[in-house]
Amino acid sequence: MTYLGPIIDPHMHLWDLDRHYYSWLQDTPLPNNPAGDMSPIAYRSYGLDDYLADTAGWNVVQTVHVECGLPPEDQLSETDWLQGLAETRGVIGGIVAGANLDDPGVEPLLEAHAARTHVRGVRQIVNWHKDPAKTYGPTDLLLSDAWRAGYALLAKYGLSFDLQLYPSQMASAAELAAAQPDIPVIVNHAGMPTDRDEVGLAAWRQGLALLAERPNVSCKISGLAMIDRAWTVDSLRPFVLRVIETFGPSRCMFASNFPVEKVHGSFGDFYAAYDAITADFGPAERDLMFAGTASRIYRLPPTTT
């Protein structure tokens, strides 16, 4: 480990199976998940103490919790649970809440989320792929007028949007970001370059470039092992460096995606890889990618560590 500065992890998850029902973790059998086989983390709760155990030895000073795929009737309850944890335990500096933006009645939920002091934005996974094994939903929500109407409401409530998508959707997303410049957009998991042939990788590079043209868009470097499941530092290197080259350190942030990513490696494995890949960057640039960018983008309270 050469990076000894603070880490703000802007993409982590907690779940309490006694409090909520997470179909992707509790159905029998487990449903297909494009992120991989979730059985090693299924059927058990994952709390803040579990996360802190997984991150032991790394200077994690703050996190952003990202919603965990609950149905609409449980989305505010999830936020309230996390708000309580943030107030009593600390660590969680920001919350990205769940909201189905294609629901014409979503506005009261957005208003309620925004009233919670730690909520910074919302996420609704929009990954659509023509391959049924890779898609997260039956249609491309980015093309839906109803969904776009819900998305436009985020500006009214000062909320950002966590954008989990595939490269084939990036041109539409870049157009949307341009049309709604007051909504900060945070691309999840390096844009998920799931198609690794020449055409697919070119689409990923071109899509990232289109998104990076919009000053309200930033990118999390995370989740690459969901696609590269036999990953090594060298196999991740060109993807990590491409994102940094495209967005610049001031719009890039390393994230764990834990415990989802735990099925593909340890927290230390991933952060050691980020550390090694950016060893030649200057201290100020590394501080941004490990902590500073996340703090600014998610408007997090200052830490004392």
Protein backbone atom coordinates (compact mmCIF):
# COMPACT_ATOMS: atom_id res chain seq x y z
CA MET A 1 0.00 0.00 0.00
CA THR A 2 1.48 3.32 -1.04
CA TYR A 3 -1.62 5.52 -0.79
CA LEU A 4 -2.04 6.39 2.88
CA GLY A 5 -4.46 9.30 2.58
CA PRO A 6 -8.17 9.32 3.38
CA ILE A 7 -10.62 7.21 1.41
CA ILE A 8 -14.21 8.20 0.78
CA ASP A 9 -16.03 5.20 -0.67
CA PRO A 10 -18.84 6.66 -2.79
CA HIS A 11 -20.57 3.40 -3.68
CA MET A 12 -21.38 0.83 -1.00
CA HIS A 13 -24.46 -1.05 0.14
CA LEU A 14 -25.99 -2.31 3.36
CA TRP A 15 -29.05 -4.50 3.80
CA ASP A 16 -31.10 -5.88 6.67
CA LEU A 17 -33.14 -8.90 5.63
CA ASP A 18 -35.26 -8.63 8.77
CA ARG A 19 -36.28 -5.12 7.77
CA HIS A 20 -36.81 -5.38 4.00
CA TYR A 21 -37.16 -8.07 1.34
CA TYR A 22 -34.55 -7.90 -1.41
CA SER A 23 -35.70 -10.23 -4.17
CA TRP A 24 -32.28 -10.35 -5.85
CA LEU A 25 -30.78 -11.62 -2.57
CA GLN A 26 -33.64 -13.65 -1.12
CA ASP A 27 -35.66 -15.29 -3.88
CA THR A 28 -35.26 -19.06 -4.23
CA PRO A 29 -33.68 -19.74 -6.62
CA LEU A 30 -31.79 -16.47 -7.00
CA PRO A 31 -32.69 -14.64 -10.21
CA ASN A 32 -30.13 -14.17 -12.96
CA ASN A 33 -27.89 -11.24 -12.10
CA PRO A 34 -25.73 -9.66 -14.82
CA ALA A 35 -23.25 -8.70 -12.08
CA GLY A 36 -22.46 -12.35 -11.37
CA ASP A 37 -23.42 -15.15 -9.00
CA MET A 38 -24.66 -13.49 -5.83
CA SER A 39 -25.01 -16.72 -3.82
CA PRO A 40 -21.89 -16.02 -1.67
CA ILE A 41 -23.56 -12.89 -0.24
CA ALA A 42 -27.22 -13.96 -0.47
CA TYR A 43 -29.66 -14.88 2.29
CA ARG A 44 -27.83 -12.90 5.00
CA SER A 45 -27.83 -9.32 6.20
CA TYR A 46 -24.85 -7.05 5.60
CA GLY A 47 -24.55 -4.29 8.17
CA LEU A 48 -22.21 -1.41 8.88
CA ASP A 49 -20.04 -3.57 11.14
CA ASP A 50 -19.63 -6.07 8.30
CA TYR A 51 -18.54 -3.29 5.98
CA LEU A 52 -16.07 -1.91 8.51
CA ALA A 53 -14.60 -5.39 8.94
CA ASP A 54 -14.19 -5.73 5.18
CA THR A 55 -12.44 -2.36 4.93
CA ALA A 56 -10.16 -2.82 7.97
CA GLY A 57 -6.61 -1.63 7.32
CA TRP A 58 -7.69 1.05 4.84
CA ASN A 59 -8.27 4.64 5.87
CA VAL A 60 -11.98 4.81 5.02
CA VAL A 61 -13.26 8.01 6.59
CA GLN A 62 -16.67 8.29 4.94
CA THR A 63 -19.01 6.54 2.53
CA VAL A 64 -21.96 7.14 0.25
CA HIS A 65 -24.64 4.49 0.48
CA VAL A 66 -26.39 3.58 -2.78
CA GLU A 67 -29.90 2.11 -2.89
CA CYS A 68 -30.26 -1.66 -3.01
CA GLY A 69 -33.06 -2.36 -5.48
CA LEU A 70 -36.07 -2.32 -3.19
CA PRO A 71 -39.62 -1.90 -4.54
CA PRO A 72 -41.19 1.59 -4.42
CA GLU A 73 -43.13 0.93 -1.23
CA ASP A 74 -39.85 0.31 0.66
CA GLN A 75 -37.65 3.02 -0.84
CA LEU A 76 -38.35 5.71 1.75
CA SER A 77 -38.13 3.17 4.55
CA GLU A 78 -34.64 2.24 3.33
CA THR A 79 -33.65 5.90 3.36
CA ASP A 80 -34.98 6.42 6.88
CA TRP A 81 -33.09 3.37 8.15
CA LEU A 82 -29.86 4.67 6.62
CA GLN A 83 -30.50 8.20 7.86
CA GLY A 84 -30.76 6.79 11.36
CA LEU A 85 -27.51 4.87 10.94
CA ALA A 86 -25.76 7.97 9.65
CA GLU A 87 -26.93 9.99 12.64
CA THR A 88 -26.04 7.39 15.27
CA ARG A 89 -22.96 5.73 13.82
CA GLY A 90 -21.43 8.23 11.44
CA VAL A 91 -19.38 6.81 8.51
CA ILE A 92 -22.25 7.28 6.04
CA GLY A 93 -21.87 10.83 4.79
CA GLY A 94 -24.38 10.67 1.96
CA ILE A 95 -27.28 8.57 0.73
CA VAL A 96 -28.32 7.85 -2.86
CA ALA A 97 -31.94 6.82 -2.48
CA GLY A 98 -34.11 4.60 -4.65
CA ALA A 99 -36.85 6.07 -6.83
CA ASN A 100 -38.68 4.77 -9.90
CA LEU A 101 -38.68 7.87 -12.07
CA ASP A 102 -41.06 6.36 -14.62
CA ASP A 103 -43.80 6.34 -11.94
CA PRO A 104 -46.05 9.36 -12.65
CA GLY A 105 -46.62 9.66 -8.90
CA VAL A 106 -42.93 9.75 -7.96
CA GLU A 107 -42.73 13.43 -6.94
CA PRO A 108 -43.89 13.04 -3.30
CA LEU A 109 -41.22 10.36 -2.83
CA LEU A 110 -38.53 12.65 -4.24
CA GLU A 111 -39.69 15.44 -1.95
CA ALA A 112 -39.56 13.10 1.05
CA HIS A 113 -36.09 11.80 0.15
CA ALA A 114 -34.80 15.35 -0.26
CA ALA A 115 -36.11 16.25 3.20
CA ARG A 116 -33.72 13.71 4.79
CA THR A 117 -30.50 15.51 5.63
CA HIS A 118 -28.08 12.91 4.26
CA VAL A 119 -29.81 12.27 0.93
CA ARG A 120 -27.85 13.67 -2.00
CA GLY A 121 -29.42 11.95 -4.99
CA VAL A 122 -31.32 8.99 -6.35
CA ARG A 123 -30.62 5.98 -8.47
CA GLN A 124 -32.77 3.81 -10.67
CA ILE A 125 -30.73 1.24 -12.59
CA VAL A 126 -31.38 1.79 -16.29
CA ASN A 127 -29.02 -0.79 -17.86
CA TRP A 128 -30.69 -2.12 -20.98
CA HIS A 129 -29.06 -4.63 -23.32
CA LYS A 130 -30.40 -6.59 -26.26
CA ASP A 131 -28.94 -9.73 -24.67
CA PRO A 132 -31.54 -10.98 -22.12
CA ALA A 133 -28.73 -12.32 -19.90
CA LYS A 134 -27.19 -8.84 -19.60
CA THR A 135 -30.20 -6.56 -19.39
CA TYR A 136 -31.57 -5.26 -16.09
CA GLY A 137 -34.99 -4.37 -17.48
CA PRO A 138 -37.24 -4.99 -20.48
CA THR A 139 -36.90 -1.51 -22.03
CA ASP A 140 -34.44 1.36 -22.28
CA LEU A 141 -35.86 3.81 -19.74
CA LEU A 142 -33.65 6.62 -21.04
CA LEU A 143 -35.90 6.72 -24.12
CA SER A 144 -39.14 6.88 -22.11
CA ASP A 145 -40.95 10.21 -21.97
CA ALA A 146 -42.50 9.25 -18.63
CA TRP A 147 -39.09 8.43 -17.18
CA ARG A 148 -37.60 11.68 -18.48
CA ALA A 149 -40.42 13.63 -16.86
CA GLY A 150 -39.55 12.06 -13.52
CA TYR A 151 -35.85 12.69 -14.11
CA ALA A 152 -36.51 16.39 -14.73
CA LEU A 153 -37.98 16.67 -11.22
CA LEU A 154 -34.57 16.00 -9.66
CA ALA A 155 -33.47 19.57 -10.29
CA LYS A 156 -36.45 20.91 -8.34
CA TYR A 157 -35.33 19.02 -5.24
CA GLY A 158 -31.59 19.52 -5.63
CA LEU A 159 -30.94 15.83 -6.24
CA SER A 160 -28.22 14.21 -8.32
CA PHE A 161 -28.67 11.05 -10.37
CA ASP A 162 -26.52 7.93 -10.19
CA LEU A 163 -26.48 6.59 -13.73
CA GLN A 164 -25.88 2.84 -14.12
CA LEU A 165 -26.04 2.09 -17.84
CA TYR A 166 -24.32 0.32 -20.72
CA PRO A 167 -22.23 1.94 -23.47
CA SER A 168 -25.00 1.60 -26.07
CA GLN A 169 -27.07 4.03 -23.96
CA MET A 170 -24.38 6.66 -23.45
CA ALA A 171 -25.28 8.90 -26.38
CA SER A 172 -28.85 9.19 -25.07
CA ALA A 173 -27.54 9.85 -21.57
CA ALA A 174 -25.18 12.56 -22.79
CA GLU A 175 -28.06 14.28 -24.57
CA LEU A 176 -30.13 14.08 -21.40
CA ALA A 177 -27.30 15.52 -19.30
CA ALA A 178 -27.04 18.41 -21.75
CA ALA A 179 -30.78 19.03 -21.62
CA GLN A 180 -30.78 19.05 -17.79
CA PRO A 181 -27.49 20.77 -16.87
CA ASP A 182 -28.59 21.47 -13.28
CA ILE A 183 -28.80 17.76 -12.42
CA PRO A 184 -25.39 16.30 -11.45
CA VAL A 185 -24.91 12.88 -13.04
CA ILE A 186 -22.58 10.26 -11.63
CA VAL A 187 -21.84 7.37 -14.00
CA ASN A 188 -21.67 4.11 -12.06
CA HIS A 189 -19.07 1.39 -12.49
CA ALA A 190 -16.96 3.03 -15.22
CA GLY A 191 -19.87 2.78 -17.65
CA MET A 192 -19.94 -1.05 -17.54
CA PRO A 193 -18.05 -2.03 -20.72
CA THR A 194 -19.80 -5.37 -20.94
CA ASP A 195 -19.14 -6.07 -24.65
CA ARG A 196 -15.43 -6.75 -24.93
CA ASP A 197 -15.09 -7.15 -28.70
CA GLU A 198 -13.57 -4.35 -30.76
CA VAL A 199 -16.95 -2.80 -31.58
CA GLY A 200 -18.11 -2.92 -27.97
CA LEU A 201 -14.94 -1.35 -26.56
CA ALA A 202 -15.02 1.39 -29.20
CA ALA A 203 -18.62 2.16 -28.21
CA TRP A 204 -17.56 2.39 -24.56
CA ARG A 205 -14.69 4.77 -25.31
CA GLN A 206 -16.83 6.94 -27.57
CA GLY A 207 -19.72 6.98 -25.11
CA LEU A 208 -17.49 7.99 -22.22
CA ALA A 209 -16.13 10.84 -24.30
CA LEU A 210 -19.65 12.07 -25.08
CA LEU A 211 -20.59 11.99 -21.41
CA ALA A 212 -17.38 13.72 -20.36
CA GLU A 213 -18.22 16.65 -22.64
CA ARG A 214 -20.97 17.53 -20.19
CA PRO A 215 -19.54 19.38 -17.14
CA ASN A 216 -22.31 18.03 -14.89
CA VAL A 217 -21.19 14.40 -15.41
CA SER A 218 -18.60 12.54 -13.31
CA CYS A 219 -17.66 8.86 -13.11
CA LYS A 220 -17.09 6.21 -10.47
CA ILE A 221 -14.28 3.76 -11.17
CA SER A 222 -15.72 0.59 -9.71
CA GLY A 223 -17.55 -2.58 -10.63
CA LEU A 224 -15.16 -3.61 -13.39
CA ALA A 225 -14.88 -7.12 -11.96
CA MET A 226 -18.59 -7.66 -12.59
CA ILE A 227 -17.54 -7.90 -16.23
CA ASP A 228 -13.92 -9.07 -15.90
CA ARG A 229 -14.40 -11.81 -13.33
CA ALA A 230 -10.90 -13.26 -13.73
CA TRP A 231 -9.46 -9.77 -13.34
CA THR A 232 -5.88 -8.81 -12.59
CA VAL A 233 -4.33 -5.42 -11.98
CA ASP A 234 -3.07 -5.49 -15.56
CA SER A 235 -6.48 -6.35 -16.99
CA LEU A 236 -8.13 -3.48 -15.10
CA ARG A 237 -5.38 -0.98 -15.87
CA PRO A 238 -6.44 0.15 -19.38
CA PHE A 239 -10.04 0.65 -18.28
CA VAL A 240 -9.14 2.62 -15.16
CA LEU A 241 -6.68 4.79 -17.06
CA ARG A 242 -9.13 5.42 -19.90
CA VAL A 243 -11.76 6.72 -17.49
CA ILE A 244 -9.22 8.99 -15.79
CA GLU A 245 -7.92 10.24 -19.14
CA THR A 246 -11.47 10.96 -20.31
CA PHE A 247 -12.89 12.67 -17.22
CA GLY A 248 -9.78 13.85 -15.39
CA PRO A 249 -9.06 13.20 -11.70
CA SER A 250 -11.39 16.00 -10.57
CA ARG A 251 -14.37 14.07 -11.99
CA CYS A 252 -13.24 10.52 -11.14
CA MET A 253 -13.73 8.64 -7.88
CA PHE A 254 -12.67 5.16 -6.84
CA ALA A 255 -15.45 3.10 -5.24
CA SER A 256 -15.82 -0.39 -3.81
CA ASN A 257 -19.34 -1.49 -4.77
CA PHE A 258 -19.18 -3.59 -1.62
CA PRO A 259 -20.42 -6.10 -0.76
CA VAL A 260 -21.67 -6.85 -4.30
CA GLU A 261 -18.09 -6.78 -5.54
CA LYS A 262 -17.08 -9.08 -2.70
CA VAL A 263 -18.06 -12.04 -4.88
CA HIS A 264 -15.13 -11.06 -7.15
CA GLY A 265 -12.45 -10.05 -4.63
CA SER A 266 -11.69 -8.34 -1.33
CA PHE A 267 -11.93 -4.63 -0.62
CA GLY A 268 -8.17 -4.57 -0.21
CA ASP A 269 -7.65 -6.31 -3.54
CA PHE A 270 -9.57 -3.63 -5.41
CA TYR A 271 -8.09 -0.66 -3.59
CA ALA A 272 -4.58 -2.08 -3.93
CA ALA A 273 -5.25 -2.28 -7.68
CA TYR A 274 -6.40 1.36 -7.81
CA ASP A 275 -3.34 2.28 -5.79
CA ALA A 276 -0.94 0.42 -8.09
CA ILE A 277 -2.54 1.69 -11.31
CA THR A 278 -2.28 5.33 -10.19
CA ALA A 279 1.15 5.09 -8.55
CA ASP A 280 2.62 7.51 -11.09
CA PHE A 281 -0.02 10.18 -10.50
CA GLY A 282 0.73 13.13 -8.25
CA PRO A 283 -0.45 13.23 -4.62
CA ALA A 284 -3.09 15.88 -5.32
CA GLU A 285 -4.58 13.85 -8.19
CA ARG A 286 -4.67 10.69 -6.10
CA ASP A 287 -6.26 12.51 -3.18
CA LEU A 288 -9.03 13.62 -5.54
CA MET A 289 -9.73 10.14 -6.88
CA PHE A 290 -9.59 8.42 -3.49
CA ALA A 291 -11.60 11.05 -1.60
CA GLY A 292 -11.80 14.64 -2.80
CA THR A 293 -13.94 14.21 -5.89
CA ALA A 294 -16.52 12.15 -4.00
CA SER A 295 -16.65 14.73 -1.23
CA ARG A 296 -17.28 17.56 -3.70
CA ILE A 297 -19.71 15.80 -6.02
CA TYR A 298 -21.84 14.40 -3.19
CA ARG A 299 -21.53 17.57 -1.06
CA LEU A 300 -20.38 15.60 1.96
CA PRO A 301 -19.74 17.08 5.39
CA PRO A 302 -16.07 17.56 6.26
CA THR A 303 -14.25 14.79 8.08
CA THR A 304 -11.77 15.20 10.88
CA THR A 305 -9.58 12.25 9.89
